[in-house]
Amino acid sequence: MTEKRILPKNRKTFVFIDVSNIRYACRWSCDFDLDFDGFYNYLNRKYPKLREVRYYEGIASGDKRKKLYFKHLRKVGYRVCSLERKSYTNEAKYANFECLKCGALNTVQVLPENTKLKSNVDVFMAVDMLKCAAKATEQLHIILVSCDGDFAEAIQGVVDINPNVFVTVVATPMTVANNCLSVRLKNLRKVLPDNMTIANIENLKAQIAHSPLEIKA
């Protein structure tokens, strides 16, 4: 007799949020700012066996405002998982062009120098997902909140480690012109039809979006 599968909402549930990715995706694809207080409350109501909601975001050294916000999120119920952002500077790029009229060689800057801050929390998050799947002794529900295709391999790894895991990817809609959802995640759903689904975060807008009058964190 085939073992009866437990519905995701009745499984122990762990949530992994790729904050920078989903915040940008909601703004770009769905035209709203995500209210993380409201999102946590939604998850707590929706999943009776919710065990942990992990919030992954980098932080710059000395960012006191974000440290206070992280403290607030911990009070709400989140487990804040953060790495310090490191600075990476790309040098300006130049190209040489010969004047068609006089033959003089001119040097033109084609890309300016720019500095980026990166924390690589996606690697941190992927490893935690794999650990979570490996430790589970019963049917588990993992919710990944991200549109990033780099997590496709992590999801495949989670299912390979533990076939009793069901993964819900919460992302932006798959049909809009300015969609952020990776093709790799869409295709993976076809490969893992019994272990994975994709949920549209726009359907939750009324419950998890900031009102226009709220101050955005």
C-alpha atoms as a PDB file:
ATOM      1  CA  MET A   1       0.000   0.000   0.000  1.00  0.00           C
ATOM      2  CA  THR A   2       1.367   3.428  -0.973  1.00  0.00           C
ATOM      3  CA  GLU A   3       2.249   5.682   1.945  1.00  0.00           C
ATOM      4  CA  LYS A   4      -0.184   8.563   2.297  1.00  0.00           C
ATOM      5  CA  ARG A   5       1.557  11.892   1.745  1.00  0.00           C
ATOM      6  CA  ILE A   6       0.986  14.558   4.355  1.00  0.00           C
ATOM      7  CA  LEU A   7      -0.154  17.897   2.977  1.00  0.00           C
ATOM      8  CA  PRO A   8       2.465  20.676   3.283  1.00  0.00           C
ATOM      9  CA  LYS A   9       0.408  22.682   5.780  1.00  0.00           C
ATOM     10  CA  ASN A  10       0.364  19.678   8.136  1.00  0.00           C
ATOM     11  CA  ARG A  11       4.109  19.076   8.022  1.00  0.00           C
ATOM     12  CA  LYS A  12       6.816  20.677  10.125  1.00  0.00           C
ATOM     13  CA  THR A  13       7.573  23.831   8.167  1.00  0.00           C
ATOM     14  CA  PHE A  14      10.793  25.809   7.856  1.00  0.00           C
ATOM     15  CA  VAL A  15      10.944  29.064   5.869  1.00  0.00           C
ATOM     16  CA  PHE A  16      14.070  30.476   4.210  1.00  0.00           C
ATOM     17  CA  ILE A  17      13.825  34.066   2.934  1.00  0.00           C
ATOM     18  CA  ASP A  18      16.299  35.528   0.451  1.00  0.00           C
ATOM     19  CA  VAL A  19      15.460  39.056   1.576  1.00  0.00           C
ATOM     20  CA  SER A  20      17.279  41.240  -0.950  1.00  0.00           C
ATOM     21  CA  ASN A  21      16.042  39.128  -3.854  1.00  0.00           C
ATOM     22  CA  ILE A  22      12.373  38.954  -2.909  1.00  0.00           C
ATOM     23  CA  ARG A  23      12.233  42.610  -1.820  1.00  0.00           C
ATOM     24  CA  TYR A  24      13.500  43.712  -5.248  1.00  0.00           C
ATOM     25  CA  ALA A  25      11.252  41.223  -7.061  1.00  0.00           C
ATOM     26  CA  CYS A  26       8.116  42.455  -5.280  1.00  0.00           C
ATOM     27  CA  ARG A  27       8.921  46.055  -6.147  1.00  0.00           C
ATOM     28  CA  TRP A  28       9.849  45.337  -9.755  1.00  0.00           C
ATOM     29  CA  SER A  29       7.294  42.683 -10.719  1.00  0.00           C
ATOM     30  CA  CYS A  30       4.369  43.326  -8.366  1.00  0.00           C
ATOM     31  CA  ASP A  31       4.697  47.022  -7.441  1.00  0.00           C
ATOM     32  CA  PHE A  32       4.589  46.670  -3.667  1.00  0.00           C
ATOM     33  CA  ASP A  33       6.951  46.726  -0.694  1.00  0.00           C
ATOM     34  CA  LEU A  34       7.004  43.615   1.434  1.00  0.00           C
ATOM     35  CA  ASP A  35       5.977  44.087   5.069  1.00  0.00           C
ATOM     36  CA  PHE A  36       7.995  41.465   6.936  1.00  0.00           C
ATOM     37  CA  ASP A  37       5.897  41.790  10.098  1.00  0.00           C
ATOM     38  CA  GLY A  38       2.793  41.013   8.080  1.00  0.00           C
ATOM     39  CA  PHE A  39       4.562  38.198   6.241  1.00  0.00           C
ATOM     40  CA  TYR A  40       5.566  36.493   9.473  1.00  0.00           C
ATOM     41  CA  ASN A  41       2.017  36.775  10.819  1.00  0.00           C
ATOM     42  CA  TYR A  42       0.662  35.277   7.601  1.00  0.00           C
ATOM     43  CA  LEU A  43       3.042  32.308   7.784  1.00  0.00           C
ATOM     44  CA  ASN A  44       2.206  31.751  11.443  1.00  0.00           C
ATOM     45  CA  ARG A  45      -1.512  31.622  10.644  1.00  0.00           C
ATOM     46  CA  LYS A  46      -1.158  29.527   7.492  1.00  0.00           C
ATOM     47  CA  TYR A  47       1.110  26.760   8.792  1.00  0.00           C
ATOM     48  CA  PRO A  48       0.138  25.271  12.169  1.00  0.00           C
ATOM     49  CA  LYS A  49       3.423  23.349  12.374  1.00  0.00           C
ATOM     50  CA  LEU A  50       5.647  26.309  11.558  1.00  0.00           C
ATOM     51  CA  ARG A  51       8.954  25.778  13.329  1.00  0.00           C
ATOM     52  CA  GLU A  52      11.205  28.571  12.119  1.00  0.00           C
ATOM     53  CA  VAL A  53      11.290  31.522   9.716  1.00  0.00           C
ATOM     54  CA  ARG A  54      14.839  32.445   8.727  1.00  0.00           C
ATOM     55  CA  TYR A  55      15.568  35.925   7.413  1.00  0.00           C
ATOM     56  CA  TYR A  56      18.777  36.127   5.334  1.00  0.00           C
ATOM     57  CA  GLU A  57      20.277  39.538   4.600  1.00  0.00           C
ATOM     58  CA  GLY A  58      23.739  41.084   4.612  1.00  0.00           C
ATOM     59  CA  ILE A  59      24.636  44.077   6.726  1.00  0.00           C
ATOM     60  CA  ALA A  60      27.318  46.722   6.312  1.00  0.00           C
ATOM     61  CA  SER A  61      29.716  47.268   9.175  1.00  0.00           C
ATOM     62  CA  GLY A  62      28.419  50.036  11.417  1.00  0.00           C
ATOM     63  CA  ASP A  63      24.858  50.027  10.047  1.00  0.00           C
ATOM     64  CA  LYS A  64      23.113  50.838  13.336  1.00  0.00           C
ATOM     65  CA  ARG A  65      19.695  51.354  11.728  1.00  0.00           C
ATOM     66  CA  LYS A  66      19.669  47.853  10.257  1.00  0.00           C
ATOM     67  CA  LYS A  67      20.923  46.351  13.506  1.00  0.00           C
ATOM     68  CA  LEU A  68      17.910  47.890  15.262  1.00  0.00           C
ATOM     69  CA  TYR A  69      15.638  46.510  12.547  1.00  0.00           C
ATOM     70  CA  PHE A  70      17.147  43.045  12.984  1.00  0.00           C
ATOM     71  CA  LYS A  71      16.482  43.326  16.720  1.00  0.00           C
ATOM     72  CA  HIS A  72      12.851  44.156  15.932  1.00  0.00           C
ATOM     73  CA  LEU A  73      12.553  41.160  13.574  1.00  0.00           C
ATOM     74  CA  ARG A  74      13.833  38.824  16.277  1.00  0.00           C
ATOM     75  CA  LYS A  75      11.109  40.089  18.599  1.00  0.00           C
ATOM     76  CA  VAL A  76       8.529  39.407  15.867  1.00  0.00           C
ATOM     77  CA  GLY A  77       9.772  35.809  15.712  1.00  0.00           C
ATOM     78  CA  TYR A  78      12.307  35.660  12.884  1.00  0.00           C
ATOM     79  CA  ARG A  79      15.671  33.972  13.127  1.00  0.00           C
ATOM     80  CA  VAL A  80      17.932  36.585  11.540  1.00  0.00           C
ATOM     81  CA  CYS A  81      20.818  35.027   9.594  1.00  0.00           C
ATOM     82  CA  SER A  82      23.261  37.673   8.474  1.00  0.00           C
ATOM     83  CA  LEU A  83      26.792  38.115   7.170  1.00  0.00           C
ATOM     84  CA  GLU A  84      28.810  41.314   7.025  1.00  0.00           C
ATOM     85  CA  ARG A  85      28.845  42.881   3.588  1.00  0.00           C
ATOM     86  CA  LYS A  86      32.277  43.243   2.020  1.00  0.00           C
ATOM     87  CA  SER A  87      33.251  45.949  -0.424  1.00  0.00           C
ATOM     88  CA  TYR A  88      34.301  45.026  -3.964  1.00  0.00           C
ATOM     89  CA  THR A  89      35.551  47.741  -6.310  1.00  0.00           C
ATOM     90  CA  ASN A  90      35.579  47.293 -10.081  1.00  0.00           C
ATOM     91  CA  GLU A  91      38.113  49.496 -11.832  1.00  0.00           C
ATOM     92  CA  ALA A  92      37.037  51.876 -14.558  1.00  0.00           C
ATOM     93  CA  LYS A  93      37.352  50.474 -18.084  1.00  0.00           C
ATOM     94  CA  TYR A  94      38.710  52.403 -21.047  1.00  0.00           C
ATOM     95  CA  ALA A  95      38.787  51.810 -24.780  1.00  0.00           C
ATOM     96  CA  ASN A  96      40.940  53.341 -27.515  1.00  0.00           C
ATOM     97  CA  PHE A  97      39.318  54.756 -30.648  1.00  0.00           C
ATOM     98  CA  GLU A  98      41.015  56.100 -33.726  1.00  0.00           C
ATOM     99  CA  CYS A  99      39.579  59.307 -35.185  1.00  0.00           C
ATOM    100  CA  LEU A 100      38.364  58.634 -38.735  1.00  0.00           C
ATOM    101  CA  LYS A 101      39.235  62.166 -39.816  1.00  0.00           C
ATOM    102  CA  CYS A 102      42.692  62.817 -38.374  1.00  0.00           C
ATOM    103  CA  GLY A 103      43.812  59.354 -37.285  1.00  0.00           C
ATOM    104  CA  ALA A 104      44.463  60.489 -33.718  1.00  0.00           C
ATOM    105  CA  LEU A 105      44.088  57.863 -31.006  1.00  0.00           C
ATOM    106  CA  ASN A 106      41.542  58.805 -28.337  1.00  0.00           C
ATOM    107  CA  THR A 107      40.951  57.063 -25.016  1.00  0.00           C
ATOM    108  CA  VAL A 108      37.366  56.984 -23.796  1.00  0.00           C
ATOM    109  CA  GLN A 109      36.007  55.695 -20.498  1.00  0.00           C
ATOM    110  CA  VAL A 110      33.328  53.112 -21.289  1.00  0.00           C
ATOM    111  CA  LEU A 111      32.579  51.926 -17.727  1.00  0.00           C
ATOM    112  CA  PRO A 112      33.041  53.992 -14.544  1.00  0.00           C
ATOM    113  CA  GLU A 113      34.658  52.709 -11.386  1.00  0.00           C
ATOM    114  CA  ASN A 114      32.021  51.290  -9.077  1.00  0.00           C
ATOM    115  CA  THR A 115      31.913  49.739  -5.635  1.00  0.00           C
ATOM    116  CA  LYS A 116      29.535  46.941  -4.679  1.00  0.00           C
ATOM    117  CA  LEU A 117      28.697  45.485  -1.298  1.00  0.00           C
ATOM    118  CA  LYS A 118      28.208  41.717  -1.218  1.00  0.00           C
ATOM    119  CA  SER A 119      27.633  39.275   1.614  1.00  0.00           C
ATOM    120  CA  ASN A 120      26.985  35.949  -0.202  1.00  0.00           C
ATOM    121  CA  VAL A 121      24.100  35.038   2.101  1.00  0.00           C
ATOM    122  CA  ASP A 122      22.688  32.845  -0.685  1.00  0.00           C
ATOM    123  CA  VAL A 123      25.449  30.273  -0.036  1.00  0.00           C
ATOM    124  CA  PHE A 124      24.745  30.487   3.710  1.00  0.00           C
ATOM    125  CA  MET A 125      21.062  29.928   3.017  1.00  0.00           C
ATOM    126  CA  ALA A 126      21.561  27.004   0.606  1.00  0.00           C
ATOM    127  CA  VAL A 127      23.760  25.183   3.139  1.00  0.00           C
ATOM    128  CA  ASP A 128      21.165  25.693   5.880  1.00  0.00           C
ATOM    129  CA  MET A 129      18.436  24.255   3.643  1.00  0.00           C
ATOM    130  CA  LEU A 130      20.513  21.144   3.002  1.00  0.00           C
ATOM    131  CA  LYS A 131      21.235  20.745   6.738  1.00  0.00           C
ATOM    132  CA  CYS A 132      17.541  21.105   7.518  1.00  0.00           C
ATOM    133  CA  ALA A 133      16.634  18.346   5.042  1.00  0.00           C
ATOM    134  CA  ALA A 134      19.384  16.043   6.297  1.00  0.00           C
ATOM    135  CA  LYS A 135      18.299  16.314   9.954  1.00  0.00           C
ATOM    136  CA  ALA A 136      14.576  15.721   9.326  1.00  0.00           C
ATOM    137  CA  THR A 137      13.153  12.425  10.613  1.00  0.00           C
ATOM    138  CA  GLU A 138       9.652  12.968   9.246  1.00  0.00           C
ATOM    139  CA  GLN A 139       7.931  14.494   6.234  1.00  0.00           C
ATOM    140  CA  LEU A 140       9.073  18.091   6.029  1.00  0.00           C
ATOM    141  CA  HIS A 141       7.931  21.265   4.280  1.00  0.00           C
ATOM    142  CA  ILE A 142      10.567  23.795   3.228  1.00  0.00           C
ATOM    143  CA  ILE A 143       9.428  27.190   1.946  1.00  0.00           C
ATOM    144  CA  LEU A 144      11.984  29.076  -0.123  1.00  0.00           C
ATOM    145  CA  VAL A 145      11.131  32.739  -0.653  1.00  0.00           C
ATOM    146  CA  SER A 146      13.212  33.784  -3.649  1.00  0.00           C
ATOM    147  CA  CYS A 147      13.198  34.091  -7.442  1.00  0.00           C
ATOM    148  CA  ASP A 148      16.893  33.244  -7.753  1.00  0.00           C
ATOM    149  CA  GLY A 149      17.741  30.343 -10.071  1.00  0.00           C
ATOM    150  CA  ASP A 150      20.943  29.703  -8.127  1.00  0.00           C
ATOM    151  CA  PHE A 151      18.782  27.847  -5.601  1.00  0.00           C
ATOM    152  CA  ALA A 152      17.681  25.271  -8.191  1.00  0.00           C
ATOM    153  CA  GLU A 153      20.624  23.022  -7.348  1.00  0.00           C
ATOM    154  CA  ALA A 154      20.002  23.467  -3.623  1.00  0.00           C
ATOM    155  CA  ILE A 155      16.391  22.340  -4.041  1.00  0.00           C
ATOM    156  CA  GLN A 156      17.475  19.338  -6.078  1.00  0.00           C
ATOM    157  CA  GLY A 157      20.028  18.545  -3.368  1.00  0.00           C
ATOM    158  CA  VAL A 158      17.395  18.814  -0.639  1.00  0.00           C
ATOM    159  CA  VAL A 159      15.160  16.293  -2.419  1.00  0.00           C
ATOM    160  CA  ASP A 160      18.089  13.965  -3.157  1.00  0.00           C
ATOM    161  CA  ILE A 161      19.069  13.986   0.529  1.00  0.00           C
ATOM    162  CA  ASN A 162      15.509  13.528   1.760  1.00  0.00           C
ATOM    163  CA  PRO A 163      12.760  12.478  -0.707  1.00  0.00           C
ATOM    164  CA  ASN A 164      10.167  13.156   2.022  1.00  0.00           C
ATOM    165  CA  VAL A 165      10.725  16.914   1.752  1.00  0.00           C
ATOM    166  CA  PHE A 166       8.225  19.059  -0.125  1.00  0.00           C
ATOM    167  CA  VAL A 167       9.510  22.455  -1.294  1.00  0.00           C
ATOM    168  CA  THR A 168       7.321  25.480  -1.947  1.00  0.00           C
ATOM    169  CA  VAL A 169       9.043  28.315  -3.790  1.00  0.00           C
ATOM    170  CA  VAL A 170       7.300  31.615  -3.060  1.00  0.00           C
ATOM    171  CA  ALA A 171       8.134  33.981  -5.914  1.00  0.00           C
ATOM    172  CA  THR A 172       6.729  36.571  -8.291  1.00  0.00           C
ATOM    173  CA  PRO A 173       4.205  35.540 -10.972  1.00  0.00           C
ATOM    174  CA  MET A 174       5.433  33.578 -13.973  1.00  0.00           C
ATOM    175  CA  THR A 175       3.549  35.462 -16.669  1.00  0.00           C
ATOM    176  CA  VAL A 176       4.312  39.175 -16.252  1.00  0.00           C
ATOM    177  CA  ALA A 177       6.584  40.974 -18.708  1.00  0.00           C
ATOM    178  CA  ASN A 178       8.972  42.261 -16.026  1.00  0.00           C
ATOM    179  CA  ASN A 179       9.148  38.942 -14.212  1.00  0.00           C
ATOM    180  CA  CYS A 180      12.070  38.152 -11.896  1.00  0.00           C
ATOM    181  CA  LEU A 181      11.410  34.405 -11.515  1.00  0.00           C
ATOM    182  CA  SER A 182      14.275  32.308 -12.867  1.00  0.00           C
ATOM    183  CA  VAL A 183      13.645  29.910 -15.744  1.00  0.00           C
ATOM    184  CA  ARG A 184      15.750  27.358 -13.860  1.00  0.00           C
ATOM    185  CA  LEU A 185      13.196  27.286 -11.035  1.00  0.00           C
ATOM    186  CA  LYS A 186      10.301  26.989 -13.489  1.00  0.00           C
ATOM    187  CA  ASN A 187      11.985  24.062 -15.228  1.00  0.00           C
ATOM    188  CA  LEU A 188      12.866  22.354 -11.943  1.00  0.00           C
ATOM    189  CA  ARG A 189       9.196  22.224 -11.025  1.00  0.00           C
ATOM    190  CA  LYS A 190       8.657  20.033 -14.096  1.00  0.00           C
ATOM    191  CA  VAL A 191      11.465  17.719 -12.980  1.00  0.00           C
ATOM    192  CA  LEU A 192      10.173  17.456  -9.385  1.00  0.00           C
ATOM    193  CA  PRO A 193       6.357  17.534  -9.735  1.00  0.00           C
ATOM    194  CA  ASP A 194       5.813  15.488  -6.542  1.00  0.00           C
ATOM    195  CA  ASN A 195       8.274  17.429  -4.392  1.00  0.00           C
ATOM    196  CA  MET A 196       7.982  21.046  -5.478  1.00  0.00           C
ATOM    197  CA  THR A 197       5.520  23.783  -6.322  1.00  0.00           C
ATOM    198  CA  ILE A 198       5.743  27.514  -7.029  1.00  0.00           C
ATOM    199  CA  ALA A 199       3.397  29.941  -5.259  1.00  0.00           C
ATOM    200  CA  ASN A 200       2.661  33.469  -6.482  1.00  0.00           C
ATOM    201  CA  ILE A 201       3.564  36.032  -3.809  1.00  0.00           C
ATOM    202  CA  GLU A 202       1.351  38.626  -5.505  1.00  0.00           C
ATOM    203  CA  ASN A 203      -1.688  36.655  -4.316  1.00  0.00           C
ATOM    204  CA  LEU A 204      -0.694  37.592  -0.754  1.00  0.00           C
ATOM    205  CA  LYS A 205      -0.357  41.310  -1.465  1.00  0.00           C
ATOM    206  CA  ALA A 206      -3.349  42.343   0.642  1.00  0.00           C
ATOM    207  CA  GLN A 207      -1.859  40.617   3.685  1.00  0.00           C
ATOM    208  CA  ILE A 208       1.860  41.284   3.349  1.00  0.00           C
ATOM    209  CA  ALA A 209       2.263  44.650   1.613  1.00  0.00           C
ATOM    210  CA  HIS A 210       3.092  47.938   3.312  1.00  0.00           C
ATOM    211  CA  SER A 211       0.339  50.502   3.166  1.00  0.00           C
ATOM    212  CA  PRO A 212       1.337  53.736   1.322  1.00  0.00           C
ATOM    213  CA  LEU A 213       1.524  55.614   4.628  1.00  0.00           C
ATOM    214  CA  GLU A 214       3.887  53.197   6.363  1.00  0.00           C
ATOM    215  CA  ILE A 215       7.570  53.956   6.728  1.00  0.00           C
ATOM    216  CA  LYS A 216       9.626  51.365   4.859  1.00  0.00           C
ATOM    217  CA  ALA A 217      12.439  49.691   6.804  1.00  0.00           C
END
